[in-house]
Amino acid sequence: MLATSESLKQDIEKLTNEQLQQVAEFIAFLQFQEKRKRITLDPVLLAPLATEFAEEDRVLAESGMDDYADMLAKEDQL
């Protein structure tokens, strides 16, 4: 059975408010699903970003290690 806009409109007019809410939620789901299909990540474009932020990530990780070592030393003294 092929659904036409007109037949769908007629069916929708017969629905209860609760059923209309369910239809609205399903439409929102379909729209979300469609947007999700269009999002594609290109590894070729992502590689330079990873390289760009690698040094910053390393520096942040190392700076946090000093604090961590200090906290461990304080715990050992307790």
PDB file of N, CA and C in Angstrom:
ATOM      1  N   MET A   1       0.844  -1.180   0.000  1.00  0.00           N
ATOM      2  CA  MET A   1       0.000   0.000   0.000  1.00  0.00           C
ATOM      3  C   MET A   1       0.891   1.246   0.000  1.00  0.00           C
ATOM      4  N   LEU A   2       0.687   2.084  -0.957  1.00  0.00           N
ATOM      5  CA  LEU A   2       1.444   3.323  -1.076  1.00  0.00           C
ATOM      6  C   LEU A   2       0.695   4.436  -0.354  1.00  0.00           C
ATOM      7  N   ALA A   3       1.366   5.036   0.594  1.00  0.00           N
ATOM      8  CA  ALA A   3       0.745   6.115   1.360  1.00  0.00           C
ATOM      9  C   ALA A   3       0.965   7.433   0.641  1.00  0.00           C
ATOM     10  N   THR A   4      -0.112   8.179   0.491  1.00  0.00           N
ATOM     11  CA  THR A   4      -0.006   9.505  -0.112  1.00  0.00           C
ATOM     12  C   THR A   4      -0.155  10.549   0.987  1.00  0.00           C
ATOM     13  N   SER A   5       0.302  11.737   0.707  1.00  0.00           N
ATOM     14  CA  SER A   5       0.179  12.821   1.684  1.00  0.00           C
ATOM     15  C   SER A   5      -1.275  13.032   2.076  1.00  0.00           C
ATOM     16  N   GLU A   6      -2.140  12.983   1.096  1.00  0.00           N
ATOM     17  CA  GLU A   6      -3.561  13.235   1.357  1.00  0.00           C
ATOM     18  C   GLU A   6      -4.162  12.147   2.239  1.00  0.00           C
ATOM     19  N   SER A   7      -3.856  10.879   1.957  1.00  0.00           N
ATOM     20  CA  SER A   7      -4.415   9.797   2.782  1.00  0.00           C
ATOM     21  C   SER A   7      -3.853   9.852   4.202  1.00  0.00           C
ATOM     22  N   LEU A   8      -2.585  10.222   4.332  1.00  0.00           N
ATOM     23  CA  LEU A   8      -1.996  10.365   5.664  1.00  0.00           C
ATOM     24  C   LEU A   8      -2.657  11.501   6.434  1.00  0.00           C
ATOM     25  N   LYS A   9      -2.899  12.615   5.757  1.00  0.00           N
ATOM     26  CA  LYS A   9      -3.565  13.746   6.412  1.00  0.00           C
ATOM     27  C   LYS A   9      -4.948  13.343   6.916  1.00  0.00           C
ATOM     28  N   GLN A  10      -5.672  12.596   6.111  1.00  0.00           N
ATOM     29  CA  GLN A  10      -7.012  12.158   6.512  1.00  0.00           C
ATOM     30  C   GLN A  10      -6.935  11.233   7.727  1.00  0.00           C
ATOM     31  N   ASP A  11      -5.957  10.327   7.720  1.00  0.00           N
ATOM     32  CA  ASP A  11      -5.793   9.418   8.859  1.00  0.00           C
ATOM     33  C   ASP A  11      -5.395  10.181  10.118  1.00  0.00           C
ATOM     34  N   ILE A  12      -4.536  11.166   9.963  1.00  0.00           N
ATOM     35  CA  ILE A  12      -4.073  11.954  11.107  1.00  0.00           C
ATOM     36  C   ILE A  12      -5.226  12.726  11.741  1.00  0.00           C
ATOM     37  N   GLU A  13      -6.140  13.213  10.925  1.00  0.00           N
ATOM     38  CA  GLU A  13      -7.283  13.971  11.447  1.00  0.00           C
ATOM     39  C   GLU A  13      -8.173  13.128  12.354  1.00  0.00           C
ATOM     40  N   LYS A  14      -8.101  11.811  12.239  1.00  0.00           N
ATOM     41  CA  LYS A  14      -8.939  10.912  13.033  1.00  0.00           C
ATOM     42  C   LYS A  14      -8.270  10.474  14.337  1.00  0.00           C
ATOM     43  N   LEU A  15      -7.022  10.849  14.545  1.00  0.00           N
ATOM     44  CA  LEU A  15      -6.277  10.379  15.710  1.00  0.00           C
ATOM     45  C   LEU A  15      -6.619  11.161  16.973  1.00  0.00           C
ATOM     46  N   THR A  16      -6.423  10.493  18.102  1.00  0.00           N
ATOM     47  CA  THR A  16      -6.585  11.161  19.400  1.00  0.00           C
ATOM     48  C   THR A  16      -5.341  12.007  19.676  1.00  0.00           C
ATOM     49  N   ASN A  17      -5.430  12.853  20.696  1.00  0.00           N
ATOM     50  CA  ASN A  17      -4.273  13.676  21.065  1.00  0.00           C
ATOM     51  C   ASN A  17      -3.072  12.812  21.448  1.00  0.00           C
ATOM     52  N   GLU A  18      -3.335  11.724  22.149  1.00  0.00           N
ATOM     53  CA  GLU A  18      -2.244  10.826  22.545  1.00  0.00           C
ATOM     54  C   GLU A  18      -1.587  10.198  21.311  1.00  0.00           C
ATOM     55  N   GLN A  19      -2.399   9.792  20.363  1.00  0.00           N
ATOM     56  CA  GLN A  19      -1.860   9.213  19.134  1.00  0.00           C
ATOM     57  C   GLN A  19      -1.090  10.257  18.324  1.00  0.00           C
ATOM     58  N   LEU A  20      -1.586  11.486  18.314  1.00  0.00           N
ATOM     59  CA  LEU A  20      -0.876  12.565  17.618  1.00  0.00           C
ATOM     60  C   LEU A  20       0.498  12.798  18.239  1.00  0.00           C
ATOM     61  N   GLN A  21       0.561  12.703  19.567  1.00  0.00           N
ATOM     62  CA  GLN A  21       1.844  12.862  20.252  1.00  0.00           C
ATOM     63  C   GLN A  21       2.814  11.761  19.822  1.00  0.00           C
ATOM     64  N   GLN A  22       2.310  10.545  19.702  1.00  0.00           N
ATOM     65  CA  GLN A  22       3.153   9.433  19.261  1.00  0.00           C
ATOM     66  C   GLN A  22       3.642   9.644  17.832  1.00  0.00           C
ATOM     67  N   VAL A  23       2.770  10.144  16.978  1.00  0.00           N
ATOM     68  CA  VAL A  23       3.157  10.438  15.596  1.00  0.00           C
ATOM     69  C   VAL A  23       4.231  11.524  15.577  1.00  0.00           C
ATOM     70  N   ALA A  24       4.056  12.556  16.383  1.00  0.00           N
ATOM     71  CA  ALA A  24       5.038  13.644  16.448  1.00  0.00           C
ATOM     72  C   ALA A  24       6.395  13.116  16.907  1.00  0.00           C
ATOM     73  N   GLU A  25       6.389  12.231  17.902  1.00  0.00           N
ATOM     74  CA  GLU A  25       7.641  11.651  18.387  1.00  0.00           C
ATOM     75  C   GLU A  25       8.298  10.787  17.315  1.00  0.00           C
ATOM     76  N   PHE A  26       7.498  10.053  16.564  1.00  0.00           N
ATOM     77  CA  PHE A  26       8.048   9.212  15.499  1.00  0.00           C
ATOM     78  C   PHE A  26       8.643  10.067  14.383  1.00  0.00           C
ATOM     79  N   ILE A  27       7.977  11.149  14.052  1.00  0.00           N
ATOM     80  CA  ILE A  27       8.503  12.067  13.031  1.00  0.00           C
ATOM     81  C   ILE A  27       9.834  12.657  13.495  1.00  0.00           C
ATOM     82  N   ALA A  28       9.906  13.045  14.756  1.00  0.00           N
ATOM     83  CA  ALA A  28      11.160  13.582  15.297  1.00  0.00           C
ATOM     84  C   ALA A  28      12.263  12.531  15.224  1.00  0.00           C
ATOM     85  N   PHE A  29      11.918  11.280  15.519  1.00  0.00           N
ATOM     86  CA  PHE A  29      12.886  10.189  15.425  1.00  0.00           C
ATOM     87  C   PHE A  29      13.375  10.014  13.993  1.00  0.00           C
ATOM     88  N   LEU A  30      12.467  10.039  13.031  1.00  0.00           N
ATOM     89  CA  LEU A  30      12.853   9.895  11.623  1.00  0.00           C
ATOM     90  C   LEU A  30      13.772  11.031  11.182  1.00  0.00           C
ATOM     91  N   GLN A  31      13.470  12.235  11.620  1.00  0.00           N
ATOM     92  CA  GLN A  31      14.310  13.383  11.261  1.00  0.00           C
ATOM     93  C   GLN A  31      15.695  13.257  11.879  1.00  0.00           C
ATOM     94  N   PHE A  32      15.749  12.815  13.125  1.00  0.00           N
ATOM     95  CA  PHE A  32      17.038  12.605  13.791  1.00  0.00           C
ATOM     96  C   PHE A  32      17.841  11.539  13.061  1.00  0.00           C
ATOM     97  N   GLN A  33      17.180  10.460  12.708  1.00  0.00           N
ATOM     98  CA  GLN A  33      17.836   9.355  12.009  1.00  0.00           C
ATOM     99  C   GLN A  33      18.415   9.826  10.677  1.00  0.00           C
ATOM    100  N   GLU A  34      17.688  10.659   9.972  1.00  0.00           N
ATOM    101  CA  GLU A  34      18.144  11.169   8.677  1.00  0.00           C
ATOM    102  C   GLU A  34      19.374  12.053   8.847  1.00  0.00           C
ATOM    103  N   LYS A  35      19.368  12.916   9.859  1.00  0.00           N
ATOM    104  CA  LYS A  35      20.532  13.775  10.110  1.00  0.00           C
ATOM    105  C   LYS A  35      21.746  12.931  10.451  1.00  0.00           C
ATOM    106  N   ARG A  36      21.528  11.891  11.228  1.00  0.00           N
ATOM    107  CA  ARG A  36      22.625  11.020  11.658  1.00  0.00           C
ATOM    108  C   ARG A  36      23.261  10.317  10.466  1.00  0.00           C
ATOM    109  N   LYS A  37      22.468   9.960   9.485  1.00  0.00           N
ATOM    110  CA  LYS A  37      22.995   9.295   8.287  1.00  0.00           C
ATOM    111  C   LYS A  37      23.923  10.219   7.513  1.00  0.00           C
ATOM    112  N   ARG A  38      23.628  11.510   7.535  1.00  0.00           N
ATOM    113  CA  ARG A  38      24.405  12.467   6.744  1.00  0.00           C
ATOM    114  C   ARG A  38      25.752  12.803   7.364  1.00  0.00           C
ATOM    115  N   ILE A  39      25.918  12.537   8.646  1.00  0.00           N
ATOM    116  CA  ILE A  39      27.178  12.870   9.312  1.00  0.00           C
ATOM    117  C   ILE A  39      28.182  11.751   9.055  1.00  0.00           C
ATOM    118  N   THR A  40      29.229  12.077   8.313  1.00  0.00           N
ATOM    119  CA  THR A  40      30.295  11.115   8.078  1.00  0.00           C
ATOM    120  C   THR A  40      31.622  11.776   8.420  1.00  0.00           C
ATOM    121  N   LEU A  41      32.439  11.049   9.128  1.00  0.00           N
ATOM    122  CA  LEU A  41      33.738  11.562   9.522  1.00  0.00           C
ATOM    123  C   LEU A  41      34.794  10.997   8.580  1.00  0.00           C
ATOM    124  N   ASP A  42      35.581  11.872   8.009  1.00  0.00           N
ATOM    125  CA  ASP A  42      36.635  11.472   7.088  1.00  0.00           C
ATOM    126  C   ASP A  42      37.938  11.338   7.867  1.00  0.00           C
ATOM    127  N   PRO A  43      38.487  10.126   7.968  1.00  0.00           N
ATOM    128  CA  PRO A  43      39.730   9.931   8.714  1.00  0.00           C
ATOM    129  C   PRO A  43      40.882  10.795   8.206  1.00  0.00           C
ATOM    130  N   VAL A  44      40.881  11.100   6.926  1.00  0.00           N
ATOM    131  CA  VAL A  44      41.944  11.937   6.364  1.00  0.00           C
ATOM    132  C   VAL A  44      41.889  13.339   6.971  1.00  0.00           C
ATOM    133  N   LEU A  45      40.680  13.833   7.241  1.00  0.00           N
ATOM    134  CA  LEU A  45      40.534  15.155   7.848  1.00  0.00           C
ATOM    135  C   LEU A  45      40.747  15.123   9.363  1.00  0.00           C
ATOM    136  N   LEU A  46      40.487  13.978   9.983  1.00  0.00           N
ATOM    137  CA  LEU A  46      40.634  13.873  11.430  1.00  0.00           C
ATOM    138  C   LEU A  46      42.090  13.707  11.859  1.00  0.00           C
ATOM    139  N   ALA A  47      42.911  13.091  11.028  1.00  0.00           N
ATOM    140  CA  ALA A  47      44.313  12.837  11.384  1.00  0.00           C
ATOM    141  C   ALA A  47      45.073  14.118  11.724  1.00  0.00           C
ATOM    142  N   PRO A  48      44.965  15.178  10.921  1.00  0.00           N
ATOM    143  CA  PRO A  48      45.679  16.407  11.290  1.00  0.00           C
ATOM    144  C   PRO A  48      45.202  17.000  12.618  1.00  0.00           C
ATOM    145  N   LEU A  49      43.928  16.847  12.931  1.00  0.00           N
ATOM    146  CA  LEU A  49      43.419  17.348  14.212  1.00  0.00           C
ATOM    147  C   LEU A  49      44.049  16.592  15.378  1.00  0.00           C
ATOM    148  N   ALA A  50      44.158  15.285  15.228  1.00  0.00           N
ATOM    149  CA  ALA A  50      44.775  14.487  16.284  1.00  0.00           C
ATOM    150  C   ALA A  50      46.223  14.902  16.483  1.00  0.00           C
ATOM    151  N   THR A  51      46.918  15.129  15.393  1.00  0.00           N
ATOM    152  CA  THR A  51      48.316  15.556  15.472  1.00  0.00           C
ATOM    153  C   THR A  51      48.417  16.933  16.113  1.00  0.00           C
ATOM    154  N   GLU A  52      47.524  17.810  15.730  1.00  0.00           N
ATOM    155  CA  GLU A  52      47.538  19.180  16.242  1.00  0.00           C
ATOM    156  C   GLU A  52      47.375  19.227  17.762  1.00  0.00           C
ATOM    157  N   PHE A  53      46.529  18.378  18.298  1.00  0.00           N
ATOM    158  CA  PHE A  53      46.240  18.418  19.727  1.00  0.00           C
ATOM    159  C   PHE A  53      47.049  17.416  20.543  1.00  0.00           C
ATOM    160  N   ALA A  54      47.849  16.589  19.901  1.00  0.00           N
ATOM    161  CA  ALA A  54      48.622  15.572  20.622  1.00  0.00           C
ATOM    162  C   ALA A  54      49.582  16.204  21.621  1.00  0.00           C
ATOM    163  N   GLU A  55      50.299  17.241  21.225  1.00  0.00           N
ATOM    164  CA  GLU A  55      51.256  17.885  22.119  1.00  0.00           C
ATOM    165  C   GLU A  55      50.545  18.523  23.309  1.00  0.00           C
ATOM    166  N   GLU A  56      49.444  19.189  23.053  1.00  0.00           N
ATOM    167  CA  GLU A  56      48.678  19.806  24.140  1.00  0.00           C
ATOM    168  C   GLU A  56      48.183  18.739  25.118  1.00  0.00           C
ATOM    169  N   ASP A  57      47.704  17.622  24.590  1.00  0.00           N
ATOM    170  CA  ASP A  57      47.239  16.528  25.443  1.00  0.00           C
ATOM    171  C   ASP A  57      48.374  15.982  26.308  1.00  0.00           C
ATOM    172  N   ARG A  58      49.556  15.820  25.711  1.00  0.00           N
ATOM    173  CA  ARG A  58      50.701  15.290  26.442  1.00  0.00           C
ATOM    174  C   ARG A  58      51.085  16.231  27.587  1.00  0.00           C
ATOM    175  N   VAL A  59      51.124  17.532  27.296  1.00  0.00           N
ATOM    176  CA  VAL A  59      51.489  18.521  28.314  1.00  0.00           C
ATOM    177  C   VAL A  59      50.478  18.510  29.461  1.00  0.00           C
ATOM    178  N   LEU A  60      49.202  18.460  29.131  1.00  0.00           N
ATOM    179  CA  LEU A  60      48.173  18.425  30.177  1.00  0.00           C
ATOM    180  C   LEU A  60      48.292  17.167  31.030  1.00  0.00           C
ATOM    181  N   ALA A  61      48.536  16.042  30.386  1.00  0.00           N
ATOM    182  CA  ALA A  61      48.660  14.784  31.125  1.00  0.00           C
ATOM    183  C   ALA A  61      49.861  14.822  32.061  1.00  0.00           C
ATOM    184  N   GLU A  62      50.977  15.328  31.569  1.00  0.00           N
ATOM    185  CA  GLU A  62      52.182  15.381  32.393  1.00  0.00           C
ATOM    186  C   GLU A  62      52.037  16.370  33.547  1.00  0.00           C
ATOM    187  N   SER A  63      51.372  17.482  33.322  1.00  0.00           N
ATOM    188  CA  SER A  63      51.200  18.458  34.405  1.00  0.00           C
ATOM    189  C   SER A  63      50.327  17.878  35.507  1.00  0.00           C
ATOM    190  N   GLY A  64      49.383  17.073  35.145  1.00  0.00           N
ATOM    191  CA  GLY A  64      48.525  16.434  36.137  1.00  0.00           C
ATOM    192  C   GLY A  64      49.245  15.358  36.928  1.00  0.00           C
ATOM    193  N   MET A  65      50.286  14.770  36.361  1.00  0.00           N
ATOM    194  CA  MET A  65      51.010  13.699  37.038  1.00  0.00           C
ATOM    195  C   MET A  65      51.739  14.203  38.280  1.00  0.00           C
ATOM    196  N   ASP A  66      52.264  15.422  38.230  1.00  0.00           N
ATOM    197  CA  ASP A  66      52.945  15.978  39.405  1.00  0.00           C
ATOM    198  C   ASP A  66      51.982  16.092  40.581  1.00  0.00           C
ATOM    199  N   ASP A  67      50.801  16.606  40.314  1.00  0.00           N
ATOM    200  CA  ASP A  67      49.786  16.727  41.369  1.00  0.00           C
ATOM    201  C   ASP A  67      49.403  15.354  41.909  1.00  0.00           C
ATOM    202  N   TYR A  68      49.278  14.398  41.018  1.00  0.00           N
ATOM    203  CA  TYR A  68      48.903  13.042  41.404  1.00  0.00           C
ATOM    204  C   TYR A  68      49.979  12.431  42.297  1.00  0.00           C
ATOM    205  N   ALA A  69      51.241  12.605  41.929  1.00  0.00           N
ATOM    206  CA  ALA A  69      52.345  12.069  42.731  1.00  0.00           C
ATOM    207  C   ALA A  69      52.363  12.715  44.113  1.00  0.00           C
ATOM    208  N   ASP A  70      52.113  14.016  44.178  1.00  0.00           N
ATOM    209  CA  ASP A  70      52.055  14.716  45.467  1.00  0.00           C
ATOM    210  C   ASP A  70      50.935  14.161  46.345  1.00  0.00           C
ATOM    211  N   MET A  71      49.778  13.927  45.750  1.00  0.00           N
ATOM    212  CA  MET A  71      48.647  13.393  46.514  1.00  0.00           C
ATOM    213  C   MET A  71      48.957  11.990  47.035  1.00  0.00           C
ATOM    214  N   LEU A  72      49.619  11.166  46.220  1.00  0.00           N
ATOM    215  CA  LEU A  72      49.981   9.823  46.668  1.00  0.00           C
ATOM    216  C   LEU A  72      50.966   9.882  47.829  1.00  0.00           C
ATOM    217  N   ALA A  73      51.928  10.799  47.738  1.00  0.00           N
ATOM    218  CA  ALA A  73      52.909  10.940  48.814  1.00  0.00           C
ATOM    219  C   ALA A  73      52.226  11.365  50.107  1.00  0.00           C
ATOM    220  N   LYS A  74      51.272  12.274  50.029  1.00  0.00           N
ATOM    221  CA  LYS A  74      50.542  12.717  51.220  1.00  0.00           C
ATOM    222  C   LYS A  74      49.728  11.576  51.824  1.00  0.00           C
ATOM    223  N   GLU A  75      49.140  10.745  50.974  1.00  0.00           N
ATOM    224  CA  GLU A  75      48.372   9.602  51.471  1.00  0.00           C
ATOM    225  C   GLU A  75      49.271   8.623  52.205  1.00  0.00           C
ATOM    226  N   ASP A  76      50.477   8.431  51.692  1.00  0.00           N
ATOM    227  CA  ASP A  76      51.410   7.508  52.334  1.00  0.00           C
ATOM    228  C   ASP A  76      51.794   7.988  53.726  1.00  0.00           C
ATOM    229  N   GLN A  77      51.771   9.297  53.945  1.00  0.00           N
ATOM    230  CA  GLN A  77      52.153   9.856  55.238  1.00  0.00           C
ATOM    231  C   GLN A  77      51.041   9.709  56.272  1.00  0.00           C
ATOM    232  N   LEU A  78      49.830   9.463  55.825  1.00  0.00           N
ATOM    233  CA  LEU A  78      48.693   9.349  56.765  1.00  0.00           C
ATOM    234  C   LEU A  78      48.698   8.058  57.513  1.00  0.00           C
TER     235      LEU A  78
END
